[in-house]
Amino acid sequence: MGSDGAPIPPASLRVPANGLVHAVLEWPAPGAEATVLLVHGYMDAAATWDLVAPALAAEGLRVLAPDLRGFGEAPRVPAGGYYHFPDYVLDVADIVDALVAQGSPLFVVGHSMGGTIATLYAGTFPERLARLVVIEGAGPPDNTHDHAPERVRRWVDDVRAVRVRGERTMGSRDEAFRRLAINHPRVPEGVLRTRLDALARPLADGKVRWKSDPLHGTRSPMPFFAESWKAFARRVTCPVLSVSGGPLGWHPPDEEARLAAFPALERAEIPDAGHMMHWTRPAELAGVLLRFFM
């Protein structure tokens, strides 16, 4: 906290990782012995951890939050590139190795898509983590291999359409807010308005454009296979916490079987928080995380 009691804003870092220069927010904690890495979800950004991260830093934890490639202030992939889960894993691995000393305790928290990425990273480098938190991040619906050809066909069609259409703009900040409110009807209006700066970019003519790469609006050509995700989960050696937002959150039908793959699993629930609990119940979420870390 600053001298006036207000949270100290995070530092903005630029970190070379996996061939791109990534944007990472840091909430420092002098003398911190452990680092928390917060990995945001789909169509989100690092800056929306701002209601959770200061509480962690206030308890002596250094907090890092990267913008995943193509979101927020992160770079987009070059022309001809795309966004695949292994790319995110390498991004996270390089960011961690650049900013967190080997042997220093690392707590990784992933929300939604970020939880899937965090699990893949933890299963790939189990020796790197001291704690893993998966916030409704056990992955999307399962697929069969028969889906693969139709996924690739749809992906080709969608990417071609994005290239023809280009970036979409909205007429005003109010229009962007209305669209955000439709997608997140349970988030308080005041909180949603503060999310706009992290998720949308004002243009010179008064219009607004989402910061995310339009390619994120296309469906990946690679189907999600729950058995593959569980193979990574089984390799995680540190304690794992699964956090639920209650019945209104995101729960794939086979969620229990997926989570059971973690060798050392604990559970927590924030009733009625919904999927975006870092927006709707940030204080409660911070408390859950701190109890698990401490």
C-alpha atoms as a PDB file:
ATOM      1  CA  MET A   1       0.000   0.000   0.000  1.00  0.00           C
ATOM      2  CA  GLY A   2       1.061   3.566  -0.633  1.00  0.00           C
ATOM      3  CA  SER A   3       1.263   6.233   2.063  1.00  0.00           C
ATOM      4  CA  ASP A   4      -2.413   7.108   1.397  1.00  0.00           C
ATOM      5  CA  GLY A   5      -3.514   3.497   1.863  1.00  0.00           C
ATOM      6  CA  ALA A   6      -4.267   2.965  -1.832  1.00  0.00           C
ATOM      7  CA  PRO A   7      -2.825  -0.087  -3.608  1.00  0.00           C
ATOM      8  CA  ILE A   8       0.463   0.585  -5.382  1.00  0.00           C
ATOM      9  CA  PRO A   9      -0.016   0.150  -9.147  1.00  0.00           C
ATOM     10  CA  PRO A  10       1.928  -2.668 -10.773  1.00  0.00           C
ATOM     11  CA  ALA A  11       5.142  -2.194 -12.716  1.00  0.00           C
ATOM     12  CA  SER A  12       4.949  -2.912 -16.452  1.00  0.00           C
ATOM     13  CA  LEU A  13       7.713  -5.248 -17.603  1.00  0.00           C
ATOM     14  CA  ARG A  14       8.744  -6.247 -21.101  1.00  0.00           C
ATOM     15  CA  VAL A  15      10.107  -9.784 -21.162  1.00  0.00           C
ATOM     16  CA  PRO A  16      11.555 -11.576 -24.227  1.00  0.00           C
ATOM     17  CA  ALA A  17      10.054 -15.061 -24.315  1.00  0.00           C
ATOM     18  CA  ASN A  18       9.545 -17.595 -27.095  1.00  0.00           C
ATOM     19  CA  GLY A  19      10.529 -15.164 -29.831  1.00  0.00           C
ATOM     20  CA  LEU A  20       8.171 -12.373 -28.702  1.00  0.00           C
ATOM     21  CA  VAL A  21       8.492  -9.519 -26.221  1.00  0.00           C
ATOM     22  CA  HIS A  22       5.758 -10.122 -23.660  1.00  0.00           C
ATOM     23  CA  ALA A  23       3.958  -7.656 -21.410  1.00  0.00           C
ATOM     24  CA  VAL A  24       4.037  -8.684 -17.743  1.00  0.00           C
ATOM     25  CA  LEU A  25       2.607  -6.819 -14.759  1.00  0.00           C
ATOM     26  CA  GLU A  26       4.481  -7.066 -11.460  1.00  0.00           C
ATOM     27  CA  TRP A  27       3.157  -6.272  -7.993  1.00  0.00           C
ATOM     28  CA  PRO A  28       6.371  -6.341  -5.949  1.00  0.00           C
ATOM     29  CA  ALA A  29       6.652  -7.291  -2.301  1.00  0.00           C
ATOM     30  CA  PRO A  30       9.969  -6.286  -0.693  1.00  0.00           C
ATOM     31  CA  GLY A  31      11.715  -9.296   0.779  1.00  0.00           C
ATOM     32  CA  ALA A  32       9.284 -11.752  -0.837  1.00  0.00           C
ATOM     33  CA  GLU A  33      10.455 -15.357  -0.729  1.00  0.00           C
ATOM     34  CA  ALA A  34       7.800 -16.677  -3.119  1.00  0.00           C
ATOM     35  CA  THR A  35       6.301 -15.605  -6.451  1.00  0.00           C
ATOM     36  CA  VAL A  36       2.709 -15.978  -7.624  1.00  0.00           C
ATOM     37  CA  LEU A  37       2.133 -16.212 -11.378  1.00  0.00           C
ATOM     38  CA  LEU A  38      -1.449 -15.309 -12.382  1.00  0.00           C
ATOM     39  CA  VAL A  39      -2.502 -16.657 -15.798  1.00  0.00           C
ATOM     40  CA  HIS A  40      -5.671 -15.094 -17.200  1.00  0.00           C
ATOM     41  CA  GLY A  41      -8.363 -16.767 -19.265  1.00  0.00           C
ATOM     42  CA  TYR A  42      -9.858 -16.462 -22.726  1.00  0.00           C
ATOM     43  CA  MET A  43     -10.663 -12.905 -23.879  1.00  0.00           C
ATOM     44  CA  ASP A  44      -9.241 -11.555 -20.631  1.00  0.00           C
ATOM     45  CA  ALA A  45      -6.018  -9.742 -19.728  1.00  0.00           C
ATOM     46  CA  ALA A  46      -3.430  -9.497 -16.976  1.00  0.00           C
ATOM     47  CA  ALA A  47      -4.722  -6.127 -15.787  1.00  0.00           C
ATOM     48  CA  THR A  48      -8.029  -7.598 -14.606  1.00  0.00           C
ATOM     49  CA  TRP A  49      -6.210  -9.375 -11.775  1.00  0.00           C
ATOM     50  CA  ASP A  50      -5.971  -5.904 -10.197  1.00  0.00           C
ATOM     51  CA  LEU A  51      -8.626  -6.697  -7.590  1.00  0.00           C
ATOM     52  CA  VAL A  52      -6.783  -9.823  -6.420  1.00  0.00           C
ATOM     53  CA  ALA A  53      -3.052  -9.211  -6.871  1.00  0.00           C
ATOM     54  CA  PRO A  54      -2.639  -6.321  -4.375  1.00  0.00           C
ATOM     55  CA  ALA A  55      -4.039  -8.468  -1.570  1.00  0.00           C
ATOM     56  CA  LEU A  56      -1.463 -11.166  -2.318  1.00  0.00           C
ATOM     57  CA  ALA A  57       1.375  -8.644  -2.500  1.00  0.00           C
ATOM     58  CA  ALA A  58       0.249  -7.112   0.807  1.00  0.00           C
ATOM     59  CA  GLU A  59       0.909 -10.498   2.437  1.00  0.00           C
ATOM     60  CA  GLY A  60       4.497 -10.608   1.187  1.00  0.00           C
ATOM     61  CA  LEU A  61       4.081 -12.434  -2.111  1.00  0.00           C
ATOM     62  CA  ARG A  62       5.608 -11.115  -5.316  1.00  0.00           C
ATOM     63  CA  VAL A  63       2.927 -11.261  -8.015  1.00  0.00           C
ATOM     64  CA  LEU A  64       3.457 -11.553 -11.773  1.00  0.00           C
ATOM     65  CA  ALA A  65       0.678 -11.500 -14.369  1.00  0.00           C
ATOM     66  CA  PRO A  66       1.502 -11.837 -18.084  1.00  0.00           C
ATOM     67  CA  ASP A  67      -0.750 -10.911 -20.956  1.00  0.00           C
ATOM     68  CA  LEU A  68      -0.995 -14.087 -23.006  1.00  0.00           C
ATOM     69  CA  ARG A  69       0.014 -13.644 -26.650  1.00  0.00           C
ATOM     70  CA  GLY A  70      -2.682 -11.855 -28.618  1.00  0.00           C
ATOM     71  CA  PHE A  71      -4.466 -10.489 -25.540  1.00  0.00           C
ATOM     72  CA  GLY A  72      -4.210  -7.193 -23.684  1.00  0.00           C
ATOM     73  CA  GLU A  73      -0.858  -5.502 -24.262  1.00  0.00           C
ATOM     74  CA  ALA A  74       0.832  -8.692 -25.455  1.00  0.00           C
ATOM     75  CA  PRO A  75       2.216  -8.987 -28.979  1.00  0.00           C
ATOM     76  CA  ARG A  76       0.229 -10.747 -31.658  1.00  0.00           C
ATOM     77  CA  VAL A  77       1.633 -13.584 -33.688  1.00  0.00           C
ATOM     78  CA  PRO A  78       3.155 -12.569 -37.041  1.00  0.00           C
ATOM     79  CA  ALA A  79       1.174 -12.918 -40.258  1.00  0.00           C
ATOM     80  CA  GLY A  80       0.640 -16.589 -41.013  1.00  0.00           C
ATOM     81  CA  GLY A  81       0.900 -17.583 -37.352  1.00  0.00           C
ATOM     82  CA  TYR A  82      -1.775 -18.835 -34.977  1.00  0.00           C
ATOM     83  CA  TYR A  83      -2.376 -19.493 -31.277  1.00  0.00           C
ATOM     84  CA  HIS A  84      -1.922 -23.038 -29.962  1.00  0.00           C
ATOM     85  CA  PHE A  85      -1.727 -24.298 -26.376  1.00  0.00           C
ATOM     86  CA  PRO A  86       1.916 -25.461 -26.684  1.00  0.00           C
ATOM     87  CA  ASP A  87       2.838 -21.879 -27.672  1.00  0.00           C
ATOM     88  CA  TYR A  88       1.397 -20.617 -24.392  1.00  0.00           C
ATOM     89  CA  VAL A  89       3.273 -23.265 -22.428  1.00  0.00           C
ATOM     90  CA  LEU A  90       6.588 -22.200 -23.932  1.00  0.00           C
ATOM     91  CA  ASP A  91       5.705 -18.535 -23.350  1.00  0.00           C
ATOM     92  CA  VAL A  92       5.036 -19.228 -19.674  1.00  0.00           C
ATOM     93  CA  ALA A  93       8.157 -21.365 -19.320  1.00  0.00           C
ATOM     94  CA  ASP A  94      10.375 -18.627 -20.747  1.00  0.00           C
ATOM     95  CA  ILE A  95       8.703 -15.893 -18.680  1.00  0.00           C
ATOM     96  CA  VAL A  96       9.143 -17.905 -15.495  1.00  0.00           C
ATOM     97  CA  ASP A  97      12.769 -18.701 -16.253  1.00  0.00           C
ATOM     98  CA  ALA A  98      13.451 -15.027 -16.984  1.00  0.00           C
ATOM     99  CA  LEU A  99      11.812 -13.653 -13.842  1.00  0.00           C
ATOM    100  CA  VAL A 100      11.868 -16.368 -11.159  1.00  0.00           C
ATOM    101  CA  ALA A 101      15.112 -17.820  -9.861  1.00  0.00           C
ATOM    102  CA  GLN A 102      15.559 -21.575  -9.947  1.00  0.00           C
ATOM    103  CA  GLY A 103      14.686 -23.017  -6.552  1.00  0.00           C
ATOM    104  CA  SER A 104      12.566 -20.032  -5.535  1.00  0.00           C
ATOM    105  CA  PRO A 105       9.010 -21.067  -4.548  1.00  0.00           C
ATOM    106  CA  LEU A 106       6.578 -20.539  -7.433  1.00  0.00           C
ATOM    107  CA  PHE A 107       2.804 -20.583  -7.064  1.00  0.00           C
ATOM    108  CA  VAL A 108       0.918 -20.704 -10.376  1.00  0.00           C
ATOM    109  CA  VAL A 109      -2.743 -19.667 -10.586  1.00  0.00           C
ATOM    110  CA  GLY A 110      -4.709 -20.204 -13.795  1.00  0.00           C
ATOM    111  CA  HIS A 111      -8.256 -19.068 -14.505  1.00  0.00           C
ATOM    112  CA  SER A 112     -10.392 -20.788 -17.154  1.00  0.00           C
ATOM    113  CA  MET A 113      -8.226 -21.180 -20.285  1.00  0.00           C
ATOM    114  CA  GLY A 114      -5.336 -20.031 -18.103  1.00  0.00           C
ATOM    115  CA  GLY A 115      -6.029 -22.997 -15.828  1.00  0.00           C
ATOM    116  CA  THR A 116      -5.635 -25.344 -18.755  1.00  0.00           C
ATOM    117  CA  ILE A 117      -2.364 -23.656 -19.692  1.00  0.00           C
ATOM    118  CA  ALA A 118      -1.164 -23.738 -16.080  1.00  0.00           C
ATOM    119  CA  THR A 119      -1.888 -27.472 -15.872  1.00  0.00           C
ATOM    120  CA  LEU A 120      -0.008 -28.170 -19.101  1.00  0.00           C
ATOM    121  CA  TYR A 121       2.940 -26.122 -17.805  1.00  0.00           C
ATOM    122  CA  ALA A 122       2.874 -27.823 -14.402  1.00  0.00           C
ATOM    123  CA  GLY A 123       2.770 -31.268 -15.980  1.00  0.00           C
ATOM    124  CA  THR A 124       5.643 -30.383 -18.302  1.00  0.00           C
ATOM    125  CA  PHE A 125       7.833 -28.844 -15.582  1.00  0.00           C
ATOM    126  CA  PRO A 126       6.569 -30.346 -12.308  1.00  0.00           C
ATOM    127  CA  GLU A 127       9.826 -29.563 -10.526  1.00  0.00           C
ATOM    128  CA  ARG A 128       9.268 -25.826 -11.048  1.00  0.00           C
ATOM    129  CA  LEU A 129       6.053 -25.424  -9.013  1.00  0.00           C
ATOM    130  CA  ALA A 130       5.447 -25.343  -5.272  1.00  0.00           C
ATOM    131  CA  ARG A 131       1.667 -24.849  -5.602  1.00  0.00           C
ATOM    132  CA  LEU A 132      -0.868 -24.938  -8.468  1.00  0.00           C
ATOM    133  CA  VAL A 133      -4.338 -23.367  -8.411  1.00  0.00           C
ATOM    134  CA  VAL A 134      -6.871 -24.164 -11.120  1.00  0.00           C
ATOM    135  CA  ILE A 135      -9.823 -21.749 -11.097  1.00  0.00           C
ATOM    136  CA  GLU A 136     -12.528 -23.450 -13.163  1.00  0.00           C
ATOM    137  CA  GLY A 137      -9.791 -24.353 -15.625  1.00  0.00           C
ATOM    138  CA  ALA A 138     -10.181 -28.067 -16.280  1.00  0.00           C
ATOM    139  CA  GLY A 139     -10.640 -27.422 -19.974  1.00  0.00           C
ATOM    140  CA  PRO A 140     -13.418 -27.165 -22.567  1.00  0.00           C
ATOM    141  CA  PRO A 141     -15.776 -30.010 -23.570  1.00  0.00           C
ATOM    142  CA  ASP A 142     -14.082 -33.223 -24.616  1.00  0.00           C
ATOM    143  CA  ASN A 143     -13.768 -34.274 -28.264  1.00  0.00           C
ATOM    144  CA  THR A 144     -13.384 -37.467 -30.229  1.00  0.00           C
ATOM    145  CA  HIS A 145     -10.814 -37.950 -32.951  1.00  0.00           C
ATOM    146  CA  ASP A 146     -13.627 -38.036 -35.494  1.00  0.00           C
ATOM    147  CA  HIS A 147     -14.075 -34.304 -34.919  1.00  0.00           C
ATOM    148  CA  ALA A 148     -10.589 -33.419 -36.164  1.00  0.00           C
ATOM    149  CA  PRO A 149     -11.297 -33.059 -39.925  1.00  0.00           C
ATOM    150  CA  GLU A 150     -14.349 -30.849 -39.430  1.00  0.00           C
ATOM    151  CA  ARG A 151     -12.423 -28.714 -36.926  1.00  0.00           C
ATOM    152  CA  VAL A 152      -9.646 -28.077 -39.430  1.00  0.00           C
ATOM    153  CA  ARG A 153     -12.152 -27.240 -42.175  1.00  0.00           C
ATOM    154  CA  ARG A 154     -13.975 -24.785 -39.928  1.00  0.00           C
ATOM    155  CA  TRP A 155     -10.681 -23.254 -38.824  1.00  0.00           C
ATOM    156  CA  VAL A 156      -9.597 -22.644 -42.428  1.00  0.00           C
ATOM    157  CA  ASP A 157     -12.949 -21.011 -43.208  1.00  0.00           C
ATOM    158  CA  ASP A 158     -12.871 -18.868 -40.070  1.00  0.00           C
ATOM    159  CA  VAL A 159      -9.290 -17.640 -40.549  1.00  0.00           C
ATOM    160  CA  ARG A 160     -10.018 -16.727 -44.154  1.00  0.00           C
ATOM    161  CA  ALA A 161     -13.097 -14.810 -43.048  1.00  0.00           C
ATOM    162  CA  VAL A 162     -11.106 -12.870 -40.428  1.00  0.00           C
ATOM    163  CA  ARG A 163      -8.499 -11.913 -43.022  1.00  0.00           C
ATOM    164  CA  VAL A 164     -11.180 -10.578 -45.343  1.00  0.00           C
ATOM    165  CA  ARG A 165     -13.159  -8.789 -42.623  1.00  0.00           C
ATOM    166  CA  GLY A 166     -10.229  -7.326 -40.716  1.00  0.00           C
ATOM    167  CA  GLU A 167     -10.564  -5.765 -37.265  1.00  0.00           C
ATOM    168  CA  ARG A 168     -14.000  -4.916 -35.992  1.00  0.00           C
ATOM    169  CA  THR A 169     -14.612  -1.593 -34.277  1.00  0.00           C
ATOM    170  CA  MET A 170     -17.387  -0.347 -32.017  1.00  0.00           C
ATOM    171  CA  GLY A 171     -18.909   3.092 -32.295  1.00  0.00           C
ATOM    172  CA  SER A 172     -18.146   4.170 -28.743  1.00  0.00           C
ATOM    173  CA  ARG A 173     -16.960   3.132 -25.302  1.00  0.00           C
ATOM    174  CA  ASP A 174     -20.593   2.777 -24.254  1.00  0.00           C
ATOM    175  CA  GLU A 175     -21.187   0.272 -27.045  1.00  0.00           C
ATOM    176  CA  ALA A 176     -18.157  -1.724 -25.927  1.00  0.00           C
ATOM    177  CA  PHE A 177     -19.489  -1.678 -22.371  1.00  0.00           C
ATOM    178  CA  ARG A 178     -22.894  -2.933 -23.501  1.00  0.00           C
ATOM    179  CA  ARG A 179     -21.268  -5.852 -25.308  1.00  0.00           C
ATOM    180  CA  LEU A 180     -19.171  -6.678 -22.253  1.00  0.00           C
ATOM    181  CA  ALA A 181     -22.254  -6.546 -20.037  1.00  0.00           C
ATOM    182  CA  ILE A 182     -24.101  -8.993 -22.314  1.00  0.00           C
ATOM    183  CA  ASN A 183     -21.230 -11.489 -21.953  1.00  0.00           C
ATOM    184  CA  HIS A 184     -20.933 -10.957 -18.180  1.00  0.00           C
ATOM    185  CA  PRO A 185     -24.422 -10.174 -16.864  1.00  0.00           C
ATOM    186  CA  ARG A 186     -23.597 -11.065 -13.247  1.00  0.00           C
ATOM    187  CA  VAL A 187     -20.582  -8.773 -12.892  1.00  0.00           C
ATOM    188  CA  PRO A 188     -21.357  -5.428 -11.178  1.00  0.00           C
ATOM    189  CA  GLU A 189     -21.534  -2.494 -13.578  1.00  0.00           C
ATOM    190  CA  GLY A 190     -18.832  -0.547 -11.757  1.00  0.00           C
ATOM    191  CA  VAL A 191     -16.394  -3.460 -12.042  1.00  0.00           C
ATOM    192  CA  LEU A 192     -17.216  -3.994 -15.722  1.00  0.00           C
ATOM    193  CA  ARG A 193     -16.465  -0.373 -16.539  1.00  0.00           C
ATOM    194  CA  THR A 194     -12.994  -0.710 -15.030  1.00  0.00           C
ATOM    195  CA  ARG A 195     -12.404  -3.822 -17.165  1.00  0.00           C
ATOM    196  CA  LEU A 196     -12.825  -1.841 -20.384  1.00  0.00           C
ATOM    197  CA  ASP A 197      -9.415  -0.182 -20.143  1.00  0.00           C
ATOM    198  CA  ALA A 198      -7.778  -3.615 -19.961  1.00  0.00           C
ATOM    199  CA  LEU A 199      -9.812  -5.174 -22.753  1.00  0.00           C
ATOM    200  CA  ALA A 200     -10.541  -2.382 -25.252  1.00  0.00           C
ATOM    201  CA  ARG A 201      -8.472   0.289 -26.981  1.00  0.00           C
ATOM    202  CA  PRO A 202      -9.830   3.770 -27.857  1.00  0.00           C
ATOM    203  CA  LEU A 203      -9.210   4.982 -31.406  1.00  0.00           C
ATOM    204  CA  ALA A 204      -8.544   8.515 -32.627  1.00  0.00           C
ATOM    205  CA  ASP A 205     -12.005   8.850 -34.154  1.00  0.00           C
ATOM    206  CA  GLY A 206     -13.770   8.025 -30.879  1.00  0.00           C
ATOM    207  CA  LYS A 207     -14.450   4.433 -31.789  1.00  0.00           C
ATOM    208  CA  VAL A 208     -13.233   1.470 -29.743  1.00  0.00           C
ATOM    209  CA  ARG A 209     -11.534  -1.786 -30.701  1.00  0.00           C
ATOM    210  CA  TRP A 210     -10.976  -4.891 -28.606  1.00  0.00           C
ATOM    211  CA  LYS A 211      -7.304  -5.429 -27.797  1.00  0.00           C
ATOM    212  CA  SER A 212      -7.467  -9.151 -28.515  1.00  0.00           C
ATOM    213  CA  ASP A 213      -6.331 -10.474 -31.886  1.00  0.00           C
ATOM    214  CA  PRO A 214      -9.397 -11.248 -34.076  1.00  0.00           C
ATOM    215  CA  LEU A 215      -7.885 -14.692 -34.646  1.00  0.00           C
ATOM    216  CA  HIS A 216      -8.902 -15.496 -31.069  1.00  0.00           C
ATOM    217  CA  GLY A 217     -12.478 -15.388 -32.309  1.00  0.00           C
ATOM    218  CA  THR A 218     -11.833 -18.430 -34.509  1.00  0.00           C
ATOM    219  CA  ARG A 219     -12.051 -22.004 -33.328  1.00  0.00           C
ATOM    220  CA  SER A 220      -8.741 -23.808 -32.936  1.00  0.00           C
ATOM    221  CA  PRO A 221      -8.082 -26.570 -35.468  1.00  0.00           C
ATOM    222  CA  MET A 222      -6.789 -28.848 -32.700  1.00  0.00           C
ATOM    223  CA  PRO A 223      -9.564 -30.533 -30.691  1.00  0.00           C
ATOM    224  CA  PHE A 224      -9.281 -30.657 -26.918  1.00  0.00           C
ATOM    225  CA  PHE A 225      -8.839 -34.194 -25.590  1.00  0.00           C
ATOM    226  CA  ALA A 226      -9.559 -34.650 -21.897  1.00  0.00           C
ATOM    227  CA  GLU A 227      -7.362 -37.752 -21.697  1.00  0.00           C
ATOM    228  CA  SER A 228      -4.354 -35.728 -22.821  1.00  0.00           C
ATOM    229  CA  TRP A 229      -5.102 -33.039 -20.215  1.00  0.00           C
ATOM    230  CA  LYS A 230      -5.355 -35.718 -17.521  1.00  0.00           C
ATOM    231  CA  ALA A 231      -1.972 -37.104 -18.547  1.00  0.00           C
ATOM    232  CA  PHE A 232      -0.432 -33.708 -17.756  1.00  0.00           C
ATOM    233  CA  ALA A 233      -2.411 -33.478 -14.498  1.00  0.00           C
ATOM    234  CA  ARG A 234      -1.080 -36.855 -13.354  1.00  0.00           C
ATOM    235  CA  ARG A 235       2.486 -35.541 -13.693  1.00  0.00           C
ATOM    236  CA  VAL A 236       1.909 -32.604 -11.326  1.00  0.00           C
ATOM    237  CA  THR A 237       3.780 -33.319  -8.102  1.00  0.00           C
ATOM    238  CA  CYS A 238       2.912 -30.241  -6.035  1.00  0.00           C
ATOM    239  CA  PRO A 239      -0.298 -29.660  -4.044  1.00  0.00           C
ATOM    240  CA  VAL A 240      -3.164 -28.498  -6.278  1.00  0.00           C
ATOM    241  CA  LEU A 241      -6.209 -26.418  -5.373  1.00  0.00           C
ATOM    242  CA  SER A 242      -9.344 -26.440  -7.534  1.00  0.00           C
ATOM    243  CA  VAL A 243     -11.534 -23.365  -7.003  1.00  0.00           C
ATOM    244  CA  SER A 244     -15.186 -23.400  -8.077  1.00  0.00           C
ATOM    245  CA  GLY A 245     -17.523 -20.449  -8.495  1.00  0.00           C
ATOM    246  CA  GLY A 246     -20.506 -22.602  -7.622  1.00  0.00           C
ATOM    247  CA  PRO A 247     -23.332 -23.855  -9.841  1.00  0.00           C
ATOM    248  CA  LEU A 248     -23.208 -20.744 -12.020  1.00  0.00           C
ATOM    249  CA  GLY A 249     -19.559 -21.343 -12.963  1.00  0.00           C
ATOM    250  CA  TRP A 250     -18.035 -23.416 -15.766  1.00  0.00           C
ATOM    251  CA  HIS A 251     -18.125 -27.166 -15.162  1.00  0.00           C
ATOM    252  CA  PRO A 252     -17.573 -29.659 -18.004  1.00  0.00           C
ATOM    253  CA  PRO A 253     -19.617 -32.858 -17.600  1.00  0.00           C
ATOM    254  CA  ASP A 254     -16.531 -34.939 -16.792  1.00  0.00           C
ATOM    255  CA  GLU A 255     -14.932 -32.356 -14.492  1.00  0.00           C
ATOM    256  CA  GLU A 256     -14.719 -34.746 -11.530  1.00  0.00           C
ATOM    257  CA  ALA A 257     -12.785 -37.337 -13.544  1.00  0.00           C
ATOM    258  CA  ARG A 258     -10.416 -34.688 -14.836  1.00  0.00           C
ATOM    259  CA  LEU A 259      -9.651 -33.215 -11.420  1.00  0.00           C
ATOM    260  CA  ALA A 260      -9.201 -36.687  -9.941  1.00  0.00           C
ATOM    261  CA  ALA A 261      -6.097 -37.045 -12.129  1.00  0.00           C
ATOM    262  CA  PHE A 262      -4.164 -34.648  -9.872  1.00  0.00           C
ATOM    263  CA  PRO A 263      -2.252 -36.728  -7.299  1.00  0.00           C
ATOM    264  CA  ALA A 264      -2.692 -34.180  -4.479  1.00  0.00           C
ATOM    265  CA  LEU A 265      -5.941 -32.213  -4.864  1.00  0.00           C
ATOM    266  CA  GLU A 266      -7.724 -29.837  -2.502  1.00  0.00           C
ATOM    267  CA  ARG A 267     -10.992 -28.056  -3.240  1.00  0.00           C
ATOM    268  CA  ALA A 268     -12.565 -24.713  -2.465  1.00  0.00           C
ATOM    269  CA  GLU A 269     -15.804 -23.081  -3.546  1.00  0.00           C
ATOM    270  CA  ILE A 270     -17.009 -19.488  -3.541  1.00  0.00           C
ATOM    271  CA  PRO A 271     -20.779 -19.990  -3.759  1.00  0.00           C
ATOM    272  CA  ASP A 272     -22.614 -17.946  -6.388  1.00  0.00           C
ATOM    273  CA  ALA A 273     -19.393 -16.250  -7.519  1.00  0.00           C
ATOM    274  CA  GLY A 274     -19.775 -17.582 -11.052  1.00  0.00           C
ATOM    275  CA  HIS A 275     -16.988 -18.151 -13.516  1.00  0.00           C
ATOM    276  CA  MET A 276     -15.432 -14.659 -13.368  1.00  0.00           C
ATOM    277  CA  MET A 277     -14.840 -14.836  -9.626  1.00  0.00           C
ATOM    278  CA  HIS A 278     -11.738 -12.621  -9.789  1.00  0.00           C
ATOM    279  CA  TRP A 279     -14.166  -9.890 -10.898  1.00  0.00           C
ATOM    280  CA  THR A 280     -17.227 -10.750  -8.801  1.00  0.00           C
ATOM    281  CA  ARG A 281     -15.633 -11.920  -5.511  1.00  0.00           C
ATOM    282  CA  PRO A 282     -11.984 -10.810  -5.598  1.00  0.00           C
ATOM    283  CA  ALA A 283     -11.571 -10.459  -1.822  1.00  0.00           C
ATOM    284  CA  GLU A 284     -12.921 -13.959  -1.177  1.00  0.00           C
ATOM    285  CA  LEU A 285     -10.756 -15.400  -3.944  1.00  0.00           C
ATOM    286  CA  ALA A 286      -7.654 -13.701  -2.553  1.00  0.00           C
ATOM    287  CA  GLY A 287      -8.449 -15.163   0.848  1.00  0.00           C
ATOM    288  CA  VAL A 288      -8.808 -18.670  -0.604  1.00  0.00           C
ATOM    289  CA  LEU A 289      -5.471 -18.325  -2.389  1.00  0.00           C
ATOM    290  CA  LEU A 290      -3.663 -16.997   0.661  1.00  0.00           C
ATOM    291  CA  ARG A 291      -4.890 -19.820   2.868  1.00  0.00           C
ATOM    292  CA  PHE A 292      -3.603 -22.333   0.334  1.00  0.00           C
ATOM    293  CA  PHE A 293      -0.243 -20.584  -0.133  1.00  0.00           C
ATOM    294  CA  MET A 294       0.468 -19.884   3.503  1.00  0.00           C
END
